[in-house]
PDB file of N, CA and C in Angstrom:
ATOM      1  N   MET A   1    -127.700 298.571  75.065  1.00  0.00           N
ATOM      2  CA  MET A   1    -128.376 298.753  76.342  1.00  0.00           C
ATOM      3  C   MET A   1    -127.565 299.700  77.222  1.00  0.00           C
ATOM      4  N   ALA A   2    -128.269 300.555  77.942  1.00  0.00           N
ATOM      5  CA  ALA A   2    -127.610 301.501  78.836  1.00  0.00           C
ATOM      6  C   ALA A   2    -127.247 300.816  80.143  1.00  0.00           C
ATOM      7  N   GLU A   3    -126.079 301.149  80.637  1.00  0.00           N
ATOM      8  CA  GLU A   3    -125.612 300.612  81.915  1.00  0.00           C
ATOM      9  C   GLU A   3    -125.299 301.774  82.836  1.00  0.00           C
ATOM     10  N   GLU A   4    -125.631 301.614  84.129  1.00  0.00           N
ATOM     11  CA  GLU A   4    -125.346 302.633  85.116  1.00  0.00           C
ATOM     12  C   GLU A   4    -124.636 301.986  86.289  1.00  0.00           C
ATOM     13  N   LEU A   5    -123.468 302.513  86.640  1.00  0.00           N
ATOM     14  CA  LEU A   5    -122.732 302.018  87.798  1.00  0.00           C
ATOM     15  C   LEU A   5    -123.529 302.386  89.046  1.00  0.00           C
ATOM     16  N   ILE A   6    -123.942 301.368  89.807  1.00  0.00           N
ATOM     17  CA  ILE A   6    -124.746 301.645  91.000  1.00  0.00           C
ATOM     18  C   ILE A   6    -124.045 301.272  92.298  1.00  0.00           C
ATOM     19  N   GLY A   7    -122.988 300.469  92.232  1.00  0.00           N
ATOM     20  CA  GLY A   7    -122.332 300.081  93.469  1.00  0.00           C
ATOM     21  C   GLY A   7    -121.198 299.116  93.254  1.00  0.00           C
ATOM     22  N   LYS A   8    -120.841 298.443  94.357  1.00  0.00           N
ATOM     23  CA  LYS A   8    -119.741 297.485  94.279  1.00  0.00           C
ATOM     24  C   LYS A   8    -119.957 296.339  95.246  1.00  0.00           C
ATOM     25  N   VAL A   9    -119.213 295.277  95.009  1.00  0.00           N
ATOM     26  CA  VAL A   9    -119.237 294.103  95.877  1.00  0.00           C
ATOM     27  C   VAL A   9    -118.367 294.405  97.090  1.00  0.00           C
ATOM     28  N   VAL A  10    -118.936 294.259  98.294  1.00  0.00           N
ATOM     29  CA  VAL A  10    -118.160 294.495  99.513  1.00  0.00           C
ATOM     30  C   VAL A  10    -117.774 293.194 100.219  1.00  0.00           C
ATOM     31  N   HIS A  11    -118.439 292.091  99.832  1.00  0.00           N
ATOM     32  CA  HIS A  11    -118.058 290.793 100.396  1.00  0.00           C
ATOM     33  C   HIS A  11    -118.602 289.683  99.498  1.00  0.00           C
ATOM     34  N   TYR A  12    -117.877 288.562  99.466  1.00  0.00           N
ATOM     35  CA  TYR A  12    -118.322 287.397  98.705  1.00  0.00           C
ATOM     36  C   TYR A  12    -118.194 286.157  99.572  1.00  0.00           C
ATOM     37  N   PHE A  13    -119.302 285.432  99.706  1.00  0.00           N
ATOM     38  CA  PHE A  13    -119.318 284.179 100.451  1.00  0.00           C
ATOM     39  C   PHE A  13    -119.214 283.051  99.429  1.00  0.00           C
ATOM     40  N   ASN A  14    -117.991 282.542  99.213  1.00  0.00           N
ATOM     41  CA  ASN A  14    -117.766 281.584  98.125  1.00  0.00           C
ATOM     42  C   ASN A  14    -118.454 280.240  98.340  1.00  0.00           C
ATOM     43  N   LYS A  15    -118.633 279.802  99.568  1.00  0.00           N
ATOM     44  CA  LYS A  15    -119.258 278.495  99.802  1.00  0.00           C
ATOM     45  C   LYS A  15    -120.729 278.473  99.417  1.00  0.00           C
ATOM     46  N   ILE A  16    -121.403 279.618  99.534  1.00  0.00           N
ATOM     47  CA  ILE A  16    -122.829 279.657  99.218  1.00  0.00           C
ATOM     48  C   ILE A  16    -123.134 280.497  97.982  1.00  0.00           C
ATOM     49  N   GLY A  17    -122.110 281.091  97.366  1.00  0.00           N
ATOM     50  CA  GLY A  17    -122.293 281.857  96.137  1.00  0.00           C
ATOM     51  C   GLY A  17    -123.140 283.104  96.306  1.00  0.00           C
ATOM     52  N   VAL A  18    -122.905 283.817  97.401  1.00  0.00           N
ATOM     53  CA  VAL A  18    -123.671 285.028  97.705  1.00  0.00           C
ATOM     54  C   VAL A  18    -122.719 286.208  97.843  1.00  0.00           C
ATOM     55  N   VAL A  19    -123.135 287.360  97.306  1.00  0.00           N
ATOM     56  CA  VAL A  19    -122.354 288.588  97.464  1.00  0.00           C
ATOM     57  C   VAL A  19    -123.140 289.575  98.309  1.00  0.00           C
ATOM     58  N   VAL A  20    -122.398 290.476  98.940  1.00  0.00           N
ATOM     59  CA  VAL A  20    -122.998 291.638  99.574  1.00  0.00           C
ATOM     60  C   VAL A  20    -122.655 292.818  98.684  1.00  0.00           C
ATOM     61  N   VAL A  21    -123.701 293.495  98.202  1.00  0.00           N
ATOM     62  CA  VAL A  21    -123.543 294.641  97.314  1.00  0.00           C
ATOM     63  C   VAL A  21    -123.892 295.902  98.080  1.00  0.00           C
ATOM     64  N   LYS A  22    -123.041 296.929  97.977  1.00  0.00           N
ATOM     65  CA  LYS A  22    -123.349 298.244  98.540  1.00  0.00           C
ATOM     66  C   LYS A  22    -123.771 299.147  97.397  1.00  0.00           C
ATOM     67  N   VAL A  23    -124.982 299.704  97.496  1.00  0.00           N
ATOM     68  CA  VAL A  23    -125.498 300.615  96.478  1.00  0.00           C
ATOM     69  C   VAL A  23    -124.971 302.015  96.788  1.00  0.00           C
ATOM     70  N   GLU A  24    -124.231 302.584  95.840  1.00  0.00           N
ATOM     71  CA  GLU A  24    -123.643 303.913  96.013  1.00  0.00           C
ATOM     72  C   GLU A  24    -124.373 304.973  95.195  1.00  0.00           C
ATOM     73  N   LYS A  25    -125.255 304.530  94.278  1.00  0.00           N
ATOM     74  CA  LYS A  25    -126.011 305.451  93.435  1.00  0.00           C
ATOM     75  C   LYS A  25    -127.284 304.768  92.989  1.00  0.00           C
ATOM     76  N   GLY A  26    -128.416 305.457  93.080  1.00  0.00           N
ATOM     77  CA  GLY A  26    -129.672 304.895  92.615  1.00  0.00           C
ATOM     78  C   GLY A  26    -130.219 303.833  93.548  1.00  0.00           C
ATOM     79  N   SER A  27    -130.740 302.759  92.960  1.00  0.00           N
ATOM     80  CA  SER A  27    -131.362 301.689  93.737  1.00  0.00           C
ATOM     81  C   SER A  27    -131.163 300.351  93.035  1.00  0.00           C
ATOM     82  N   LEU A  28    -131.483 299.284  93.760  1.00  0.00           N
ATOM     83  CA  LEU A  28    -131.406 297.929  93.228  1.00  0.00           C
ATOM     84  C   LEU A  28    -132.644 297.189  93.712  1.00  0.00           C
ATOM     85  N   ALA A  29    -133.326 296.500  92.796  1.00  0.00           N
ATOM     86  CA  ALA A  29    -134.576 295.824  93.154  1.00  0.00           C
ATOM     87  C   ALA A  29    -134.634 294.428  92.550  1.00  0.00           C
ATOM     88  N   VAL A  30    -135.445 293.579  93.172  1.00  0.00           N
ATOM     89  CA  VAL A  30    -135.708 292.247  92.634  1.00  0.00           C
ATOM     90  C   VAL A  30    -136.293 292.433  91.237  1.00  0.00           C
ATOM     91  N   GLY A  31    -135.772 291.674  90.269  1.00  0.00           N
ATOM     92  CA  GLY A  31    -136.214 291.773  88.886  1.00  0.00           C
ATOM     93  C   GLY A  31    -135.292 292.605  88.013  1.00  0.00           C
ATOM     94  N   ASP A  32    -134.433 293.435  88.631  1.00  0.00           N
ATOM     95  CA  ASP A  32    -133.475 294.227  87.851  1.00  0.00           C
ATOM     96  C   ASP A  32    -132.462 293.317  87.176  1.00  0.00           C
ATOM     97  N   LYS A  33    -131.982 293.729  86.020  1.00  0.00           N
ATOM     98  CA  LYS A  33    -130.889 293.032  85.353  1.00  0.00           C
ATOM     99  C   LYS A  33    -129.620 293.801  85.694  1.00  0.00           C
ATOM    100  N   ILE A  34    -128.597 293.067  86.146  1.00  0.00           N
ATOM    101  CA  ILE A  34    -127.354 293.708  86.555  1.00  0.00           C
ATOM    102  C   ILE A  34    -126.151 293.049  85.888  1.00  0.00           C
ATOM    103  N   LYS A  35    -125.041 293.763  85.920  1.00  0.00           N
ATOM    104  CA  LYS A  35    -123.781 293.246  85.390  1.00  0.00           C
ATOM    105  C   LYS A  35    -122.709 293.436  86.454  1.00  0.00           C
ATOM    106  N   PHE A  36    -121.917 292.395  86.661  1.00  0.00           N
ATOM    107  CA  PHE A  36    -120.750 292.462  87.527  1.00  0.00           C
ATOM    108  C   PHE A  36    -119.536 292.608  86.631  1.00  0.00           C
ATOM    109  N   ARG A  37    -118.627 293.531  86.962  1.00  0.00           N
ATOM    110  CA  ARG A  37    -117.460 293.764  86.112  1.00  0.00           C
ATOM    111  C   ARG A  37    -116.217 294.038  86.956  1.00  0.00           C
ATOM    112  N   HIS A  38    -115.107 293.429  86.507  1.00  0.00           N
ATOM    113  CA  HIS A  38    -113.793 293.691  87.084  1.00  0.00           C
ATOM    114  C   HIS A  38    -112.787 293.498  85.962  1.00  0.00           C
ATOM    115  N   GLY A  39    -112.219 294.594  85.473  1.00  0.00           N
ATOM    116  CA  GLY A  39    -111.287 294.506  84.358  1.00  0.00           C
ATOM    117  C   GLY A  39    -111.965 293.926  83.137  1.00  0.00           C
ATOM    118  N   GLU A  40    -111.391 292.859  82.586  1.00  0.00           N
ATOM    119  CA  GLU A  40    -111.950 292.210  81.399  1.00  0.00           C
ATOM    120  C   GLU A  40    -113.040 291.191  81.733  1.00  0.00           C
ATOM    121  N   HIS A  41    -113.181 290.837  82.999  1.00  0.00           N
ATOM    122  CA  HIS A  41    -114.163 289.834  83.411  1.00  0.00           C
ATOM    123  C   HIS A  41    -115.491 290.511  83.712  1.00  0.00           C
ATOM    124  N   GLU A  42    -116.565 289.959  83.150  1.00  0.00           N
ATOM    125  CA  GLU A  42    -117.899 290.464  83.438  1.00  0.00           C
ATOM    126  C   GLU A  42    -118.945 289.401  83.133  1.00  0.00           C
ATOM    127  N   PHE A  43    -120.089 289.518  83.805  1.00  0.00           N
ATOM    128  CA  PHE A  43    -121.230 288.663  83.503  1.00  0.00           C
ATOM    129  C   PHE A  43    -122.508 289.368  83.937  1.00  0.00           C
ATOM    130  N   GLU A  44    -123.613 288.976  83.308  1.00  0.00           N
ATOM    131  CA  GLU A  44    -124.914 289.563  83.598  1.00  0.00           C
ATOM    132  C   GLU A  44    -125.822 288.535  84.242  1.00  0.00           C
ATOM    133  N   GLN A  45    -126.765 289.025  85.036  1.00  0.00           N
ATOM    134  CA  GLN A  45    -127.784 288.162  85.614  1.00  0.00           C
ATOM    135  C   GLN A  45    -128.932 289.017  86.120  1.00  0.00           C
ATOM    136  N   ALA A  46    -130.052 288.373  86.382  1.00  0.00           N
ATOM    137  CA  ALA A  46    -131.201 289.052  86.981  1.00  0.00           C
ATOM    138  C   ALA A  46    -131.111 288.923  88.497  1.00  0.00           C
ATOM    139  N   VAL A  47    -131.632 289.924  89.200  1.00  0.00           N
ATOM    140  CA  VAL A  47    -131.701 289.875  90.656  1.00  0.00           C
ATOM    141  C   VAL A  47    -132.944 289.071  91.020  1.00  0.00           C
ATOM    142  N   GLU A  48    -132.734 287.884  91.582  1.00  0.00           N
ATOM    143  CA  GLU A  48    -133.856 287.012  91.922  1.00  0.00           C
ATOM    144  C   GLU A  48    -134.343 287.225  93.340  1.00  0.00           C
ATOM    145  N   SER A  49    -133.450 287.695  94.228  1.00  0.00           N
ATOM    146  CA  SER A  49    -133.847 287.993  95.605  1.00  0.00           C
ATOM    147  C   SER A  49    -132.797 288.890  96.237  1.00  0.00           C
ATOM    148  N   LEU A  50    -133.214 289.626  97.243  1.00  0.00           N
ATOM    149  CA  LEU A  50    -132.321 290.482  98.028  1.00  0.00           C
ATOM    150  C   LEU A  50    -132.599 290.213  99.499  1.00  0.00           C
ATOM    151  N   GLN A  51    -131.541 290.221 100.311  1.00  0.00           N
ATOM    152  CA  GLN A  51    -131.717 290.016 101.740  1.00  0.00           C
ATOM    153  C   GLN A  51    -130.852 290.988 102.524  1.00  0.00           C
ATOM    154  N   ILE A  52    -131.430 291.492 103.615  1.00  0.00           N
ATOM    155  CA  ILE A  52    -130.687 292.296 104.583  1.00  0.00           C
ATOM    156  C   ILE A  52    -130.817 291.573 105.910  1.00  0.00           C
ATOM    157  N   GLU A  53    -129.682 291.168 106.480  1.00  0.00           N
ATOM    158  CA  GLU A  53    -129.676 290.423 107.749  1.00  0.00           C
ATOM    159  C   GLU A  53    -130.653 289.244 107.718  1.00  0.00           C
ATOM    160  N   LYS A  54    -130.606 288.462 106.647  1.00  0.00           N
ATOM    161  CA  LYS A  54    -131.410 287.251 106.449  1.00  0.00           C
ATOM    162  C   LYS A  54    -132.905 287.520 106.272  1.00  0.00           C
ATOM    163  N   GLU A  55    -133.294 288.779 106.093  1.00  0.00           N
ATOM    164  CA  GLU A  55    -134.694 289.142 105.841  1.00  0.00           C
ATOM    165  C   GLU A  55    -134.836 289.557 104.380  1.00  0.00           C
ATOM    166  N   ALA A  56    -135.816 288.969 103.682  1.00  0.00           N
ATOM    167  CA  ALA A  56    -136.035 289.301 102.280  1.00  0.00           C
ATOM    168  C   ALA A  56    -136.564 290.727 102.139  1.00  0.00           C
ATOM    169  N   VAL A  57    -136.044 291.451 101.161  1.00  0.00           N
ATOM    170  CA  VAL A  57    -136.517 292.799 100.840  1.00  0.00           C
ATOM    171  C   VAL A  57    -136.731 292.881  99.332  1.00  0.00           C
ATOM    172  N   ASP A  58    -137.571 293.817  98.905  1.00  0.00           N
ATOM    173  CA  ASP A  58    -137.851 293.989  97.479  1.00  0.00           C
ATOM    174  C   ASP A  58    -136.837 294.889  96.793  1.00  0.00           C
ATOM    175  N   SER A  59    -136.276 295.848  97.549  1.00  0.00           N
ATOM    176  CA  SER A  59    -135.327 296.791  96.946  1.00  0.00           C
ATOM    177  C   SER A  59    -134.473 297.443  98.025  1.00  0.00           C
ATOM    178  N   ILE A  60    -133.365 298.026  97.581  1.00  0.00           N
ATOM    179  CA  ILE A  60    -132.509 298.814  98.467  1.00  0.00           C
ATOM    180  C   ILE A  60    -132.129 300.091  97.735  1.00  0.00           C
ATOM    181  N   LYS A  61    -131.832 301.122  98.521  1.00  0.00           N
ATOM    182  CA  LYS A  61    -131.475 302.422  97.952  1.00  0.00           C
ATOM    183  C   LYS A  61    -130.050 302.790  98.310  1.00  0.00           C
ATOM    184  N   LYS A  62    -129.611 303.914  97.785  1.00  0.00           N
ATOM    185  CA  LYS A  62    -128.262 304.436  97.998  1.00  0.00           C
ATOM    186  C   LYS A  62    -127.880 304.374  99.478  1.00  0.00           C
ATOM    187  N   GLY A  63    -126.668 303.883  99.733  1.00  0.00           N
ATOM    188  CA  GLY A  63    -126.140 303.801 101.084  1.00  0.00           C
ATOM    189  C   GLY A  63    -126.415 302.486 101.787  1.00  0.00           C
ATOM    190  N   LYS A  64    -127.256 301.633 101.216  1.00  0.00           N
ATOM    191  CA  LYS A  64    -127.618 300.360 101.852  1.00  0.00           C
ATOM    192  C   LYS A  64    -126.834 299.199 101.238  1.00  0.00           C
ATOM    193  N   GLU A  65    -126.764 298.104 101.991  1.00  0.00           N
ATOM    194  CA  GLU A  65    -126.121 296.874 101.532  1.00  0.00           C
ATOM    195  C   GLU A  65    -127.122 295.735 101.615  1.00  0.00           C
ATOM    196  N   ALA A  66    -127.013 294.794 100.668  1.00  0.00           N
ATOM    197  CA  ALA A  66    -127.873 293.610 100.694  1.00  0.00           C
ATOM    198  C   ALA A  66    -127.132 292.441 100.070  1.00  0.00           C
ATOM    199  N   GLY A  67    -127.547 291.247 100.452  1.00  0.00           N
ATOM    200  CA  GLY A  67    -126.976 290.039  99.888  1.00  0.00           C
ATOM    201  C   GLY A  67    -127.829 289.532  98.742  1.00  0.00           C
ATOM    202  N   LEU A  68    -127.151 288.936  97.752  1.00  0.00           N
ATOM    203  CA  LEU A  68    -127.869 288.297  96.659  1.00  0.00           C
ATOM    204  C   LEU A  68    -127.036 287.166  96.096  1.00  0.00           C
ATOM    205  N   LYS A  69    -127.721 286.154  95.592  1.00  0.00           N
ATOM    206  CA  LYS A  69    -127.073 284.983  95.004  1.00  0.00           C
ATOM    207  C   LYS A  69    -126.519 285.353  93.631  1.00  0.00           C
ATOM    208  N   VAL A  70    -125.312 284.869  93.324  1.00  0.00           N
ATOM    209  CA  VAL A  70    -124.701 285.152  92.025  1.00  0.00           C
ATOM    210  C   VAL A  70    -124.435 283.865  91.269  1.00  0.00           C
ATOM    211  N   ASN A  71    -124.405 283.993  89.937  1.00  0.00           N
ATOM    212  CA  ASN A  71    -124.215 282.837  89.063  1.00  0.00           C
ATOM    213  C   ASN A  71    -122.754 282.466  88.880  1.00  0.00           C
ATOM    214  N   GLU A  72    -121.841 283.405  89.159  1.00  0.00           N
ATOM    215  CA  GLU A  72    -120.412 283.169  88.997  1.00  0.00           C
ATOM    216  C   GLU A  72    -119.671 283.753  90.189  1.00  0.00           C
ATOM    217  N   ALA A  73    -118.449 283.280  90.392  1.00  0.00           N
ATOM    218  CA  ALA A  73    -117.630 283.790  91.493  1.00  0.00           C
ATOM    219  C   ALA A  73    -117.165 285.209  91.208  1.00  0.00           C
ATOM    220  N   VAL A  74    -117.192 286.037  92.239  1.00  0.00           N
ATOM    221  CA  VAL A  74    -116.693 287.407  92.156  1.00  0.00           C
ATOM    222  C   VAL A  74    -115.805 287.661  93.370  1.00  0.00           C
ATOM    223  N   LYS A  75    -115.241 288.848  93.437  1.00  0.00           N
ATOM    224  CA  LYS A  75    -114.420 289.221  94.586  1.00  0.00           C
ATOM    225  C   LYS A  75    -114.800 290.617  95.035  1.00  0.00           C
ATOM    226  N   GLU A  76    -114.360 290.950  96.240  1.00  0.00           N
ATOM    227  CA  GLU A  76    -114.595 292.293  96.750  1.00  0.00           C
ATOM    228  C   GLU A  76    -114.019 293.311  95.777  1.00  0.00           C
ATOM    229  N   GLY A  77    -114.751 294.409  95.601  1.00  0.00           N
ATOM    230  CA  GLY A  77    -114.285 295.475  94.732  1.00  0.00           C
ATOM    231  C   GLY A  77    -114.848 295.434  93.320  1.00  0.00           C
ATOM    232  N   TRP A  78    -115.474 294.310  92.919  1.00  0.00           N
ATOM    233  CA  TRP A  78    -116.086 294.257  91.588  1.00  0.00           C
ATOM    234  C   TRP A  78    -117.173 295.319  91.504  1.00  0.00           C
ATOM    235  N   GLU A  79    -117.301 295.945  90.346  1.00  0.00           N
ATOM    236  CA  GLU A  79    -118.334 296.955  90.131  1.00  0.00           C
ATOM    237  C   GLU A  79    -119.649 296.290  89.762  1.00  0.00           C
ATOM    238  N   VAL A  80    -120.758 296.931  90.167  1.00  0.00           N
ATOM    239  CA  VAL A  80    -122.095 296.430  89.875  1.00  0.00           C
ATOM    240  C   VAL A  80    -122.832 297.502  89.061  1.00  0.00           C
ATOM    241  N   TYR A  81    -123.331 297.100  87.904  1.00  0.00           N
ATOM    242  CA  TYR A  81    -124.053 297.997  86.999  1.00  0.00           C
ATOM    243  C   TYR A  81    -125.489 297.532  86.854  1.00  0.00           C
ATOM    244  N   LYS A  82    -126.428 298.499  86.789  1.00  0.00           N
ATOM    245  CA  LYS A  82    -127.819 298.186  86.469  1.00  0.00           C
ATOM    246  C   LYS A  82    -127.973 298.381  84.963  1.00  0.00           C
ATOM    247  N   ILE A  83    -128.614 297.429  84.308  1.00  0.00           N
ATOM    248  CA  ILE A  83    -128.813 297.478  82.856  1.00  0.00           C
ATOM    249  C   ILE A  83    -130.249 297.916  82.598  1.00  0.00           C
ATOM    250  N   ALA A  84    -130.379 298.994  81.803  1.00  0.00           N
ATOM    251  CA  ALA A  84    -131.718 299.526  81.500  1.00  0.00           C
ATOM    252  C   ALA A  84    -132.189 299.041  80.139  1.00  0.00           C
TER     253      ALA A  84
END
């Protein structure tokens, strides 16, 4: 499967398991399959929802940030890849 680096984690809320992702290339949408990676650690998941300032959105484009729920703990600086 092809992977494209689209952004990075800019914040992680550990109590609620939510990250803020900044898209630096392309776009991110509900339903996309993504991978979080930092060194040897990585995991994949589907984007089930996106929120900007507590408002649900369907997608975000380059330069925007949105929050999404994650299945595993991550930290700031982790890379985010879209899986095609």
